[in-house]
């Protein structure tokens, strides 16, 4: 659908990976076992599962590369890194504000702002 609207695969992949990571962090918060409740661990698993799925469905290695890397794979990687960066940015802001949020819905707004800024930047760059 997004390809019909001429939205770049790279930008779609950034948001897809961020959505996967958000689901992974939510899932990790619901798991009681100490080893399995790490959001980063589940984000990596979801990332790998997405890459395997896209490879089997023929979506990878199907578009013109950026720096010799497939656009979809690079977008997935950037989305994962940006989302994890935004989680740490949220935690840093809380730590600097003595454990309290700086503004309401900070945990949701910061990742959205980081991803939106990255999307605008990459859209202009690509």
PDB file of N, CA and C in Angstrom:
ATOM      1  N   UNK A   1       0.821  -1.190   0.000  1.00  0.00           N
ATOM      2  CA  UNK A   1       0.000   0.000   0.000  1.00  0.00           C
ATOM      3  C   UNK A   1       0.865   1.254   0.000  1.00  0.00           C
ATOM      4  N   UNK A   2       1.879   1.299   0.882  1.00  0.00           N
ATOM      5  CA  UNK A   2       2.723   2.480   0.969  1.00  0.00           C
ATOM      6  C   UNK A   2       3.554   2.662  -0.292  1.00  0.00           C
ATOM      7  N   UNK A   3       3.908   1.562  -0.922  1.00  0.00           N
ATOM      8  CA  UNK A   3       4.666   1.658  -2.171  1.00  0.00           C
ATOM      9  C   UNK A   3       3.816   2.281  -3.276  1.00  0.00           C
ATOM     10  N   UNK A   4       2.513   2.020  -3.255  1.00  0.00           N
ATOM     11  CA  UNK A   4       1.623   2.643  -4.229  1.00  0.00           C
ATOM     12  C   UNK A   4       1.524   4.147  -3.997  1.00  0.00           C
ATOM     13  N   UNK A   5       1.717   4.570  -2.754  1.00  0.00           N
ATOM     14  CA  UNK A   5       1.707   5.993  -2.425  1.00  0.00           C
ATOM     15  C   UNK A   5       3.086   6.621  -2.613  1.00  0.00           C
ATOM     16  N   UNK A   6       4.042   5.839  -3.105  1.00  0.00           N
ATOM     17  CA  UNK A   6       5.409   6.288  -3.376  1.00  0.00           C
ATOM     18  C   UNK A   6       6.139   6.739  -2.115  1.00  0.00           C
ATOM     19  N   UNK A   7       5.915   6.012  -1.033  1.00  0.00           N
ATOM     20  CA  UNK A   7       6.662   6.236   0.199  1.00  0.00           C
ATOM     21  C   UNK A   7       7.852   5.297   0.167  1.00  0.00           C
ATOM     22  N   UNK A   8       9.031   5.810   0.460  1.00  0.00           N
ATOM     23  CA  UNK A   8      10.262   5.044   0.362  1.00  0.00           C
ATOM     24  C   UNK A   8      10.257   3.863   1.340  1.00  0.00           C
ATOM     25  N   UNK A   9      10.781   2.741   0.888  1.00  0.00           N
ATOM     26  CA  UNK A   9      10.857   1.523   1.703  1.00  0.00           C
ATOM     27  C   UNK A   9      11.702   1.771   2.950  1.00  0.00           C
ATOM     28  N   UNK A  10      12.716   2.599   2.806  1.00  0.00           N
ATOM     29  CA  UNK A  10      13.593   2.929   3.934  1.00  0.00           C
ATOM     30  C   UNK A  10      12.794   3.575   5.067  1.00  0.00           C
ATOM     31  N   UNK A  11      11.931   4.529   4.737  1.00  0.00           N
ATOM     32  CA  UNK A  11      11.137   5.223   5.750  1.00  0.00           C
ATOM     33  C   UNK A  11      10.101   4.299   6.381  1.00  0.00           C
ATOM     34  N   UNK A  12       9.504   3.444   5.572  1.00  0.00           N
ATOM     35  CA  UNK A  12       8.539   2.474   6.104  1.00  0.00           C
ATOM     36  C   UNK A  12       9.219   1.533   7.083  1.00  0.00           C
ATOM     37  N   UNK A  13      10.424   1.103   6.729  1.00  0.00           N
ATOM     38  CA  UNK A  13      11.160   0.163   7.567  1.00  0.00           C
ATOM     39  C   UNK A  13      11.546   0.767   8.908  1.00  0.00           C
ATOM     40  N   UNK A  14      11.841   2.072   8.921  1.00  0.00           N
ATOM     41  CA  UNK A  14      12.160   2.736  10.193  1.00  0.00           C
ATOM     42  C   UNK A  14      10.971   2.626  11.145  1.00  0.00           C
ATOM     43  N   UNK A  15       9.792   2.951  10.656  1.00  0.00           N
ATOM     44  CA  UNK A  15       8.600   2.914  11.502  1.00  0.00           C
ATOM     45  C   UNK A  15       8.192   1.483  11.860  1.00  0.00           C
ATOM     46  N   UNK A  16       8.386   0.551  10.942  1.00  0.00           N
ATOM     47  CA  UNK A  16       8.080  -0.850  11.225  1.00  0.00           C
ATOM     48  C   UNK A  16       8.962  -1.381  12.350  1.00  0.00           C
ATOM     49  N   UNK A  17      10.237  -1.077  12.297  1.00  0.00           N
ATOM     50  CA  UNK A  17      11.152  -1.530  13.333  1.00  0.00           C
ATOM     51  C   UNK A  17      10.851  -0.872  14.675  1.00  0.00           C
ATOM     52  N   UNK A  18      10.495   0.400  14.648  1.00  0.00           N
ATOM     53  CA  UNK A  18      10.138   1.085  15.888  1.00  0.00           C
ATOM     54  C   UNK A  18       8.864   0.492  16.500  1.00  0.00           C
ATOM     55  N   UNK A  19       7.907   0.151  15.658  1.00  0.00           N
ATOM     56  CA  UNK A  19       6.691  -0.497  16.152  1.00  0.00           C
ATOM     57  C   UNK A  19       7.019  -1.856  16.765  1.00  0.00           C
ATOM     58  N   UNK A  20       7.872  -2.621  16.092  1.00  0.00           N
ATOM     59  CA  UNK A  20       8.300  -3.907  16.646  1.00  0.00           C
ATOM     60  C   UNK A  20       8.970  -3.727  18.006  1.00  0.00           C
ATOM     61  N   UNK A  21       9.818  -2.715  18.115  1.00  0.00           N
ATOM     62  CA  UNK A  21      10.513  -2.478  19.379  1.00  0.00           C
ATOM     63  C   UNK A  21       9.551  -2.031  20.477  1.00  0.00           C
ATOM     64  N   UNK A  22       8.573  -1.215  20.127  1.00  0.00           N
ATOM     65  CA  UNK A  22       7.585  -0.786  21.119  1.00  0.00           C
ATOM     66  C   UNK A  22       6.787  -1.983  21.636  1.00  0.00           C
ATOM     67  N   UNK A  23       6.405  -2.863  20.733  1.00  0.00           N
ATOM     68  CA  UNK A  23       5.691  -4.076  21.144  1.00  0.00           C
ATOM     69  C   UNK A  23       6.594  -4.948  21.998  1.00  0.00           C
ATOM     70  N   UNK A  24       7.877  -5.036  21.626  1.00  0.00           N
ATOM     71  CA  UNK A  24       8.823  -5.850  22.380  1.00  0.00           C
ATOM     72  C   UNK A  24       9.008  -5.320  23.800  1.00  0.00           C
ATOM     73  N   UNK A  25       9.135  -4.008  23.959  1.00  0.00           N
ATOM     74  CA  UNK A  25       9.286  -3.437  25.294  1.00  0.00           C
ATOM     75  C   UNK A  25       8.020  -3.623  26.118  1.00  0.00           C
ATOM     76  N   UNK A  26       6.865  -3.514  25.494  1.00  0.00           N
ATOM     77  CA  UNK A  26       5.608  -3.771  26.208  1.00  0.00           C
ATOM     78  C   UNK A  26       5.535  -5.226  26.645  1.00  0.00           C
ATOM     79  N   UNK A  27       5.876  -6.134  25.749  1.00  0.00           N
ATOM     80  CA  UNK A  27       5.865  -7.557  26.081  1.00  0.00           C
ATOM     81  C   UNK A  27       6.835  -7.863  27.219  1.00  0.00           C
ATOM     82  N   UNK A  28       8.017  -7.253  27.179  1.00  0.00           N
ATOM     83  CA  UNK A  28       9.014  -7.490  28.222  1.00  0.00           C
ATOM     84  C   UNK A  28       8.536  -6.995  29.584  1.00  0.00           C
ATOM     85  N   UNK A  29       7.749  -5.934  29.603  1.00  0.00           N
ATOM     86  CA  UNK A  29       7.250  -5.422  30.884  1.00  0.00           C
ATOM     87  C   UNK A  29       6.206  -6.346  31.507  1.00  0.00           C
ATOM     88  N   UNK A  30       5.593  -7.225  30.702  1.00  0.00           N
ATOM     89  CA  UNK A  30       4.574  -8.133  31.209  1.00  0.00           C
ATOM     90  C   UNK A  30       5.142  -9.485  31.647  1.00  0.00           C
ATOM     91  N   UNK A  31       6.389  -9.767  31.314  1.00  0.00           N
ATOM     92  CA  UNK A  31       7.004 -11.054  31.643  1.00  0.00           C
ATOM     93  C   UNK A  31       7.630 -10.969  33.027  1.00  0.00           C
ATOM     94  N   UNK A  32       7.396 -11.984  33.840  1.00  0.00           N
ATOM     95  CA  UNK A  32       7.859 -11.981  35.224  1.00  0.00           C
ATOM     96  C   UNK A  32       9.293 -12.501  35.393  1.00  0.00           C
ATOM     97  N   UNK A  33       9.755 -13.365  34.513  1.00  0.00           N
ATOM     98  CA  UNK A  33      11.094 -13.945  34.665  1.00  0.00           C
ATOM     99  C   UNK A  33      12.160 -12.890  34.422  1.00  0.00           C
ATOM    100  N   UNK A  34      13.197 -12.924  35.252  1.00  0.00           N
ATOM    101  CA  UNK A  34      14.241 -11.901  35.209  1.00  0.00           C
ATOM    102  C   UNK A  34      14.992 -11.888  33.871  1.00  0.00           C
ATOM    103  N   UNK A  35      15.291 -13.050  33.327  1.00  0.00           N
ATOM    104  CA  UNK A  35      16.082 -13.122  32.101  1.00  0.00           C
ATOM    105  C   UNK A  35      15.265 -12.666  30.899  1.00  0.00           C
ATOM    106  N   UNK A  36      13.987 -12.983  30.872  1.00  0.00           N
ATOM    107  CA  UNK A  36      13.164 -12.705  29.698  1.00  0.00           C
ATOM    108  C   UNK A  36      12.461 -11.349  29.717  1.00  0.00           C
ATOM    109  N   UNK A  37      12.657 -10.553  30.775  1.00  0.00           N
ATOM    110  CA  UNK A  37      11.933  -9.285  30.822  1.00  0.00           C
ATOM    111  C   UNK A  37      12.784  -8.094  30.364  1.00  0.00           C
ATOM    112  N   UNK A  38      13.782  -8.351  29.538  1.00  0.00           N
ATOM    113  CA  UNK A  38      14.626  -7.290  28.991  1.00  0.00           C
ATOM    114  C   UNK A  38      14.076  -6.842  27.636  1.00  0.00           C
ATOM    115  N   UNK A  39      13.685  -5.584  27.533  1.00  0.00           N
ATOM    116  CA  UNK A  39      13.105  -5.067  26.298  1.00  0.00           C
ATOM    117  C   UNK A  39      14.074  -5.106  25.134  1.00  0.00           C
ATOM    118  N   UNK A  40      15.338  -4.843  25.406  1.00  0.00           N
ATOM    119  CA  UNK A  40      16.337  -4.861  24.341  1.00  0.00           C
ATOM    120  C   UNK A  40      16.465  -6.261  23.739  1.00  0.00           C
ATOM    121  N   UNK A  41      16.426  -7.275  24.589  1.00  0.00           N
ATOM    122  CA  UNK A  41      16.494  -8.673  24.136  1.00  0.00           C
ATOM    123  C   UNK A  41      15.337  -8.993  23.192  1.00  0.00           C
ATOM    124  N   UNK A  42      14.136  -8.627  23.580  1.00  0.00           N
ATOM    125  CA  UNK A  42      12.966  -8.906  22.748  1.00  0.00           C
ATOM    126  C   UNK A  42      12.981  -8.060  21.470  1.00  0.00           C
ATOM    127  N   UNK A  43      13.513  -6.852  21.549  1.00  0.00           N
ATOM    128  CA  UNK A  43      13.618  -6.023  20.345  1.00  0.00           C
ATOM    129  C   UNK A  43      14.528  -6.682  19.318  1.00  0.00           C
ATOM    130  N   UNK A  44      15.637  -7.231  19.778  1.00  0.00           N
ATOM    131  CA  UNK A  44      16.544  -7.923  18.858  1.00  0.00           C
ATOM    132  C   UNK A  44      15.896  -9.158  18.253  1.00  0.00           C
ATOM    133  N   UNK A  45      15.134  -9.887  19.058  1.00  0.00           N
ATOM    134  CA  UNK A  45      14.445 -11.080  18.537  1.00  0.00           C
ATOM    135  C   UNK A  45      13.411 -10.679  17.488  1.00  0.00           C
ATOM    136  N   UNK A  46      12.626  -9.638  17.768  1.00  0.00           N
ATOM    137  CA  UNK A  46      11.633  -9.167  16.798  1.00  0.00           C
ATOM    138  C   UNK A  46      12.313  -8.645  15.534  1.00  0.00           C
ATOM    139  N   UNK A  47      13.461  -7.982  15.702  1.00  0.00           N
ATOM    140  CA  UNK A  47      14.215  -7.494  14.556  1.00  0.00           C
ATOM    141  C   UNK A  47      14.647  -8.660  13.673  1.00  0.00           C
ATOM    142  N   UNK A  48      15.219  -9.672  14.293  1.00  0.00           N
ATOM    143  CA  UNK A  48      15.679 -10.835  13.523  1.00  0.00           C
ATOM    144  C   UNK A  48      14.520 -11.565  12.852  1.00  0.00           C
ATOM    145  N   UNK A  49      13.404 -11.706  13.558  1.00  0.00           N
ATOM    146  CA  UNK A  49      12.235 -12.353  12.962  1.00  0.00           C
ATOM    147  C   UNK A  49      11.698 -11.558  11.774  1.00  0.00           C
ATOM    148  N   UNK A  50      11.725 -10.246  11.874  1.00  0.00           N
ATOM    149  CA  UNK A  50      11.270  -9.404  10.772  1.00  0.00           C
ATOM    150  C   UNK A  50      12.194  -9.527   9.570  1.00  0.00           C
ATOM    151  N   UNK A  51      13.500  -9.537   9.826  1.00  0.00           N
ATOM    152  CA  UNK A  51      14.465  -9.686   8.733  1.00  0.00           C
ATOM    153  C   UNK A  51      14.291 -11.036   8.047  1.00  0.00           C
ATOM    154  N   UNK A  52      14.115 -12.096   8.834  1.00  0.00           N
ATOM    155  CA  UNK A  52      13.925 -13.437   8.251  1.00  0.00           C
ATOM    156  C   UNK A  52      12.638 -13.475   7.432  1.00  0.00           C
ATOM    157  N   UNK A  53      11.569 -12.904   7.959  1.00  0.00           N
ATOM    158  CA  UNK A  53      10.304 -12.884   7.224  1.00  0.00           C
ATOM    159  C   UNK A  53      10.425 -12.120   5.910  1.00  0.00           C
ATOM    160  N   UNK A  54      11.030 -10.941   5.976  1.00  0.00           N
ATOM    161  CA  UNK A  54      11.170 -10.133   4.760  1.00  0.00           C
ATOM    162  C   UNK A  54      12.093 -10.802   3.743  1.00  0.00           C
ATOM    163  N   UNK A  55      13.081 -11.534   4.223  1.00  0.00           N
ATOM    164  CA  UNK A  55      13.962 -12.250   3.307  1.00  0.00           C
ATOM    165  C   UNK A  55      13.209 -13.382   2.613  1.00  0.00           C
ATOM    166  N   UNK A  56      12.441 -14.149   3.378  1.00  0.00           N
ATOM    167  CA  UNK A  56      11.685 -15.251   2.781  1.00  0.00           C
ATOM    168  C   UNK A  56      10.573 -14.767   1.857  1.00  0.00           C
ATOM    169  N   UNK A  57      10.001 -13.602   2.154  1.00  0.00           N
ATOM    170  CA  UNK A  57       8.929 -13.090   1.306  1.00  0.00           C
ATOM    171  C   UNK A  57       9.459 -12.346   0.074  1.00  0.00           C
ATOM    172  N   UNK A  58      10.771 -12.195  -0.012  1.00  0.00           N
ATOM    173  CA  UNK A  58      11.369 -11.574  -1.184  1.00  0.00           C
ATOM    174  C   UNK A  58      11.410 -10.059  -1.143  1.00  0.00           C
ATOM    175  N   UNK A  59      11.181  -9.458  -0.003  1.00  0.00           N
ATOM    176  CA  UNK A  59      11.194  -7.995   0.110  1.00  0.00           C
ATOM    177  C   UNK A  59      12.613  -7.445   0.249  1.00  0.00           C
ATOM    178  N   UNK A  60      13.516  -8.255   0.800  1.00  0.00           N
ATOM    179  CA  UNK A  60      14.903  -7.817   0.914  1.00  0.00           C
ATOM    180  C   UNK A  60      15.614  -8.038  -0.413  1.00  0.00           C
ATOM    181  N   UNK A  61      16.658  -7.307  -0.612  1.00  0.00           N
ATOM    182  CA  UNK A  61      17.446  -7.378  -1.847  1.00  0.00           C
ATOM    183  C   UNK A  61      16.582  -7.100  -3.077  1.00  0.00           C
ATOM    184  N   UNK A  62      15.596  -6.244  -2.909  1.00  0.00           N
ATOM    185  CA  UNK A  62      14.671  -5.955  -3.987  1.00  0.00           C
ATOM    186  C   UNK A  62      14.712  -4.488  -4.418  1.00  0.00           C
ATOM    187  N   UNK A  63      15.423  -3.659  -3.682  1.00  0.00           N
ATOM    188  CA  UNK A  63      15.427  -2.239  -3.992  1.00  0.00           C
ATOM    189  C   UNK A  63      16.859  -1.732  -4.123  1.00  0.00           C
ATOM    190  N   UNK A  64      16.984  -0.518  -4.643  1.00  0.00           N
ATOM    191  CA  UNK A  64      18.326   0.033  -4.799  1.00  0.00           C
ATOM    192  C   UNK A  64      18.933   0.337  -3.433  1.00  0.00           C
ATOM    193  N   UNK A  65      20.188  -0.066  -3.225  1.00  0.00           N
ATOM    194  CA  UNK A  65      20.793   0.038  -1.890  1.00  0.00           C
ATOM    195  C   UNK A  65      21.273   1.448  -1.546  1.00  0.00           C
ATOM    196  N   UNK A  66      21.464   1.659  -0.250  1.00  0.00           N
ATOM    197  CA  UNK A  66      22.093   2.868   0.273  1.00  0.00           C
ATOM    198  C   UNK A  66      23.408   2.409   0.899  1.00  0.00           C
ATOM    199  N   UNK A  67      24.515   2.967   0.452  1.00  0.00           N
ATOM    200  CA  UNK A  67      25.848   2.578   0.923  1.00  0.00           C
ATOM    201  C   UNK A  67      26.103   1.087   0.765  1.00  0.00           C
ATOM    202  N   UNK A  68      25.501   0.459  -0.220  1.00  0.00           N
ATOM    203  CA  UNK A  68      25.686  -0.962  -0.466  1.00  0.00           C
ATOM    204  C   UNK A  68      24.841  -1.863   0.423  1.00  0.00           C
ATOM    205  N   UNK A  69      23.973  -1.267   1.242  1.00  0.00           N
ATOM    206  CA  UNK A  69      23.098  -2.032   2.137  1.00  0.00           C
ATOM    207  C   UNK A  69      21.673  -1.864   1.639  1.00  0.00           C
ATOM    208  N   UNK A  70      20.896  -2.947   1.692  1.00  0.00           N
ATOM    209  CA  UNK A  70      19.507  -2.893   1.255  1.00  0.00           C
ATOM    210  C   UNK A  70      18.745  -1.826   2.034  1.00  0.00           C
ATOM    211  N   UNK A  71      17.892  -1.094   1.354  1.00  0.00           N
ATOM    212  CA  UNK A  71      17.135  -0.005   1.969  1.00  0.00           C
ATOM    213  C   UNK A  71      16.265  -0.498   3.123  1.00  0.00           C
ATOM    214  N   UNK A  72      15.650  -1.629   2.927  1.00  0.00           N
ATOM    215  CA  UNK A  72      14.757  -2.173   3.954  1.00  0.00           C
ATOM    216  C   UNK A  72      15.549  -2.579   5.199  1.00  0.00           C
ATOM    217  N   UNK A  73      16.657  -3.269   5.001  1.00  0.00           N
ATOM    218  CA  UNK A  73      17.485  -3.708   6.119  1.00  0.00           C
ATOM    219  C   UNK A  73      18.091  -2.518   6.855  1.00  0.00           C
ATOM    220  N   UNK A  74      18.543  -1.511   6.123  1.00  0.00           N
ATOM    221  CA  UNK A  74      19.100  -0.318   6.752  1.00  0.00           C
ATOM    222  C   UNK A  74      18.020   0.440   7.519  1.00  0.00           C
ATOM    223  N   UNK A  75      16.810   0.504   6.980  1.00  0.00           N
ATOM    224  CA  UNK A  75      15.707   1.156   7.674  1.00  0.00           C
ATOM    225  C   UNK A  75      15.320   0.440   8.951  1.00  0.00           C
ATOM    226  N   UNK A  76      15.297  -0.886   8.901  1.00  0.00           N
ATOM    227  CA  UNK A  76      14.998  -1.664  10.110  1.00  0.00           C
ATOM    228  C   UNK A  76      16.053  -1.409  11.179  1.00  0.00           C
ATOM    229  N   UNK A  77      17.310  -1.379  10.770  1.00  0.00           N
ATOM    230  CA  UNK A  77      18.392  -1.151  11.729  1.00  0.00           C
ATOM    231  C   UNK A  77      18.322   0.255  12.314  1.00  0.00           C
ATOM    232  N   UNK A  78      18.079   1.249  11.470  1.00  0.00           N
ATOM    233  CA  UNK A  78      17.962   2.628  11.952  1.00  0.00           C
ATOM    234  C   UNK A  78      16.770   2.786  12.895  1.00  0.00           C
ATOM    235  N   UNK A  79      15.658   2.165  12.567  1.00  0.00           N
ATOM    236  CA  UNK A  79      14.479   2.238  13.430  1.00  0.00           C
ATOM    237  C   UNK A  79      14.731   1.629  14.800  1.00  0.00           C
ATOM    238  N   UNK A  80      15.424   0.507  14.837  1.00  0.00           N
ATOM    239  CA  UNK A  80      15.766  -0.134  16.112  1.00  0.00           C
ATOM    240  C   UNK A  80      16.674   0.773  16.927  1.00  0.00           C
ATOM    241  N   UNK A  81      17.702   1.308  16.297  1.00  0.00           N
ATOM    242  CA  UNK A  81      18.651   2.175  17.009  1.00  0.00           C
ATOM    243  C   UNK A  81      17.966   3.453  17.490  1.00  0.00           C
ATOM    244  N   UNK A  82      17.148   4.059  16.648  1.00  0.00           N
ATOM    245  CA  UNK A  82      16.457   5.291  17.037  1.00  0.00           C
ATOM    246  C   UNK A  82      15.476   5.060  18.182  1.00  0.00           C
ATOM    247  N   UNK A  83      14.762   3.941  18.143  1.00  0.00           N
ATOM    248  CA  UNK A  83      13.805   3.676  19.216  1.00  0.00           C
ATOM    249  C   UNK A  83      14.525   3.428  20.536  1.00  0.00           C
ATOM    250  N   UNK A  84      15.597   2.664  20.512  1.00  0.00           N
ATOM    251  CA  UNK A  84      16.342   2.397  21.747  1.00  0.00           C
ATOM    252  C   UNK A  84      16.984   3.685  22.259  1.00  0.00           C
ATOM    253  N   UNK A  85      17.478   4.527  21.339  1.00  0.00           N
ATOM    254  CA  UNK A  85      18.001   5.833  21.739  1.00  0.00           C
ATOM    255  C   UNK A  85      16.924   6.664  22.430  1.00  0.00           C
ATOM    256  N   UNK A  86      15.715   6.642  21.903  1.00  0.00           N
ATOM    257  CA  UNK A  86      14.637   7.436  22.496  1.00  0.00           C
ATOM    258  C   UNK A  86      14.237   6.905  23.869  1.00  0.00           C
ATOM    259  N   UNK A  87      14.325   5.591  24.070  1.00  0.00           N
ATOM    260  CA  UNK A  87      14.050   5.021  25.396  1.00  0.00           C
ATOM    261  C   UNK A  87      15.088   5.524  26.402  1.00  0.00           C
ATOM    262  N   UNK A  88      16.359   5.505  26.012  1.00  0.00           N
ATOM    263  CA  UNK A  88      17.408   5.987  26.901  1.00  0.00           C
ATOM    264  C   UNK A  88      17.320   7.500  27.115  1.00  0.00           C
ATOM    265  N   UNK A  89      16.890   8.236  26.108  1.00  0.00           N
ATOM    266  CA  UNK A  89      16.680   9.675  26.270  1.00  0.00           C
ATOM    267  C   UNK A  89      15.567   9.946  27.280  1.00  0.00           C
ATOM    268  N   UNK A  90      14.499   9.173  27.230  1.00  0.00           N
ATOM    269  CA  UNK A  90      13.415   9.294  28.202  1.00  0.00           C
ATOM    270  C   UNK A  90      13.925   9.007  29.613  1.00  0.00           C
ATOM    271  N   UNK A  91      14.710   7.948  29.759  1.00  0.00           N
ATOM    272  CA  UNK A  91      15.253   7.602  31.078  1.00  0.00           C
ATOM    273  C   UNK A  91      16.218   8.675  31.587  1.00  0.00           C
ATOM    274  N   UNK A  92      17.009   9.256  30.684  1.00  0.00           N
ATOM    275  CA  UNK A  92      17.930  10.318  31.072  1.00  0.00           C
ATOM    276  C   UNK A  92      17.164  11.545  31.557  1.00  0.00           C
ATOM    277  N   UNK A  93      16.119  11.930  30.839  1.00  0.00           N
ATOM    278  CA  UNK A  93      15.311  13.076  31.265  1.00  0.00           C
ATOM    279  C   UNK A  93      14.662  12.829  32.617  1.00  0.00           C
ATOM    280  N   UNK A  94      14.217  11.611  32.845  1.00  0.00           N
ATOM    281  CA  UNK A  94      13.628  11.292  34.151  1.00  0.00           C
ATOM    282  C   UNK A  94      14.670  11.374  35.257  1.00  0.00           C
ATOM    283  N   UNK A  95      15.876  10.852  34.993  1.00  0.00           N
ATOM    284  CA  UNK A  95      16.944  10.877  35.986  1.00  0.00           C
ATOM    285  C   UNK A  95      17.328  12.321  36.312  1.00  0.00           C
ATOM    286  N   UNK A  96      17.410  13.168  35.300  1.00  0.00           N
ATOM    287  CA  UNK A  96      17.759  14.575  35.526  1.00  0.00           C
ATOM    288  C   UNK A  96      16.667  15.336  36.262  1.00  0.00           C
ATOM    289  N   UNK A  97      15.431  14.855  36.168  1.00  0.00           N
ATOM    290  CA  UNK A  97      14.296  15.505  36.835  1.00  0.00           C
ATOM    291  C   UNK A  97      13.916  14.770  38.120  1.00  0.00           C
ATOM    292  N   UNK A  98      14.873  14.087  38.734  1.00  0.00           N
ATOM    293  CA  UNK A  98      14.688  13.365  40.006  1.00  0.00           C
ATOM    294  C   UNK A  98      13.597  12.302  39.946  1.00  0.00           C
ATOM    295  N   UNK A  99      13.558  11.551  38.842  1.00  0.00           N
ATOM    296  CA  UNK A  99      12.637  10.425  38.731  1.00  0.00           C
ATOM    297  C   UNK A  99      11.242  10.773  38.247  1.00  0.00           C
ATOM    298  N   UNK A 100      11.007  12.022  37.962  1.00  0.00           N
ATOM    299  CA  UNK A 100       9.683  12.439  37.504  1.00  0.00           C
ATOM    300  C   UNK A 100       9.741  12.788  36.020  1.00  0.00           C
ATOM    301  N   UNK A 101       8.605  12.668  35.361  1.00  0.00           N
ATOM    302  CA  UNK A 101       8.553  13.023  33.946  1.00  0.00           C
ATOM    303  C   UNK A 101       8.614  14.536  33.793  1.00  0.00           C
ATOM    304  N   UNK A 102       9.181  14.994  32.704  1.00  0.00           N
ATOM    305  CA  UNK A 102       9.278  16.422  32.433  1.00  0.00           C
ATOM    306  C   UNK A 102       7.946  16.947  31.911  1.00  0.00           C
ATOM    307  N   UNK A 103       7.264  16.127  31.086  1.00  0.00           N
ATOM    308  CA  UNK A 103       5.956  16.498  30.556  1.00  0.00           C
ATOM    309  C   UNK A 103       5.096  15.244  30.442  1.00  0.00           C
ATOM    310  N   UNK A 104       3.795  15.432  30.396  1.00  0.00           N
ATOM    311  CA  UNK A 104       2.866  14.320  30.351  1.00  0.00           C
ATOM    312  C   UNK A 104       3.085  13.484  29.090  1.00  0.00           C
ATOM    313  N   UNK A 105       2.914  12.171  29.221  1.00  0.00           N
ATOM    314  CA  UNK A 105       3.066  11.210  28.119  1.00  0.00           C
ATOM    315  C   UNK A 105       4.460  11.266  27.497  1.00  0.00           C
ATOM    316  N   UNK A 106       5.449  11.556  28.310  1.00  0.00           N
ATOM    317  CA  UNK A 106       6.830  11.670  27.854  1.00  0.00           C
ATOM    318  C   UNK A 106       7.334  10.371  27.229  1.00  0.00           C
ATOM    319  N   UNK A 107       6.947   9.253  27.801  1.00  0.00           N
ATOM    320  CA  UNK A 107       7.403   7.950  27.312  1.00  0.00           C
ATOM    321  C   UNK A 107       6.891   7.657  25.906  1.00  0.00           C
ATOM    322  N   UNK A 108       5.808   8.262  25.517  1.00  0.00           N
ATOM    323  CA  UNK A 108       5.239   8.079  24.183  1.00  0.00           C
ATOM    324  C   UNK A 108       5.698   9.178  23.229  1.00  0.00           C
ATOM    325  N   UNK A 109       5.743  10.402  23.726  1.00  0.00           N
ATOM    326  CA  UNK A 109       6.029  11.541  22.865  1.00  0.00           C
ATOM    327  C   UNK A 109       7.482  11.568  22.403  1.00  0.00           C
ATOM    328  N   UNK A 110       8.421  11.207  23.269  1.00  0.00           N
ATOM    329  CA  UNK A 110       9.837  11.259  22.888  1.00  0.00           C
ATOM    330  C   UNK A 110      10.143  10.321  21.726  1.00  0.00           C
ATOM    331  N   UNK A 111       9.734   9.033  21.764  1.00  0.00           N
ATOM    332  CA  UNK A 111       9.993   8.195  20.584  1.00  0.00           C
ATOM    333  C   UNK A 111       9.312   8.713  19.317  1.00  0.00           C
ATOM    334  N   UNK A 112       8.103   9.233  19.450  1.00  0.00           N
ATOM    335  CA  UNK A 112       7.426   9.778  18.274  1.00  0.00           C
ATOM    336  C   UNK A 112       8.162  10.984  17.701  1.00  0.00           C
ATOM    337  N   UNK A 113       8.666  11.851  18.568  1.00  0.00           N
ATOM    338  CA  UNK A 113       9.412  13.020  18.096  1.00  0.00           C
ATOM    339  C   UNK A 113      10.734  12.609  17.442  1.00  0.00           C
ATOM    340  N   UNK A 114      11.434  11.669  18.058  1.00  0.00           N
ATOM    341  CA  UNK A 114      12.712  11.213  17.495  1.00  0.00           C
ATOM    342  C   UNK A 114      12.487  10.566  16.129  1.00  0.00           C
ATOM    343  N   UNK A 115      11.478   9.706  16.031  1.00  0.00           N
ATOM    344  CA  UNK A 115      11.200   9.029  14.759  1.00  0.00           C
ATOM    345  C   UNK A 115      10.690  10.000  13.693  1.00  0.00           C
ATOM    346  N   UNK A 116       9.881  10.959  14.085  1.00  0.00           N
ATOM    347  CA  UNK A 116       9.382  11.945  13.131  1.00  0.00           C
ATOM    348  C   UNK A 116      10.521  12.830  12.623  1.00  0.00           C
ATOM    349  N   UNK A 117      11.396  13.254  13.526  1.00  0.00           N
ATOM    350  CA  UNK A 117      12.542  14.071  13.119  1.00  0.00           C
ATOM    351  C   UNK A 117      13.459  13.287  12.185  1.00  0.00           C
ATOM    352  N   UNK A 118      13.690  12.021  12.503  1.00  0.00           N
ATOM    353  CA  UNK A 118      14.537  11.187  11.643  1.00  0.00           C
ATOM    354  C   UNK A 118      13.883  10.974  10.281  1.00  0.00           C
ATOM    355  N   UNK A 119      12.581  10.773  10.265  1.00  0.00           N
ATOM    356  CA  UNK A 119      11.877  10.580   9.002  1.00  0.00           C
ATOM    357  C   UNK A 119      11.978  11.823   8.123  1.00  0.00           C
ATOM    358  N   UNK A 120      11.775  12.987   8.726  1.00  0.00           N
ATOM    359  CA  UNK A 120      11.886  14.234   7.962  1.00  0.00           C
ATOM    360  C   UNK A 120      13.305  14.427   7.461  1.00  0.00           C
ATOM    361  N   UNK A 121      14.283  14.153   8.321  1.00  0.00           N
ATOM    362  CA  UNK A 121      15.674  14.311   7.920  1.00  0.00           C
ATOM    363  C   UNK A 121      16.038  13.358   6.780  1.00  0.00           C
ATOM    364  N   UNK A 122      15.661  12.093   6.910  1.00  0.00           N
ATOM    365  CA  UNK A 122      15.980  11.117   5.871  1.00  0.00           C
ATOM    366  C   UNK A 122      15.203  11.390   4.587  1.00  0.00           C
ATOM    367  N   UNK A 123      13.982  11.889   4.713  1.00  0.00           N
ATOM    368  CA  UNK A 123      13.188  12.214   3.525  1.00  0.00           C
ATOM    369  C   UNK A 123      13.866  13.317   2.724  1.00  0.00           C
ATOM    370  N   UNK A 124      14.393  14.311   3.424  1.00  0.00           N
ATOM    371  CA  UNK A 124      15.101  15.382   2.738  1.00  0.00           C
ATOM    372  C   UNK A 124      16.422  14.901   2.145  1.00  0.00           C
ATOM    373  N   UNK A 125      17.071  13.979   2.844  1.00  0.00           N
ATOM    374  CA  UNK A 125      18.382  13.478   2.436  1.00  0.00           C
ATOM    375  C   UNK A 125      18.275  12.513   1.262  1.00  0.00           C
ATOM    376  N   UNK A 126      17.234  11.679   1.271  1.00  0.00           N
ATOM    377  CA  UNK A 126      17.049  10.703   0.198  1.00  0.00           C
ATOM    378  C   UNK A 126      16.362  11.387  -0.943  1.00  0.00           C
TER     379      UNK A 126
END
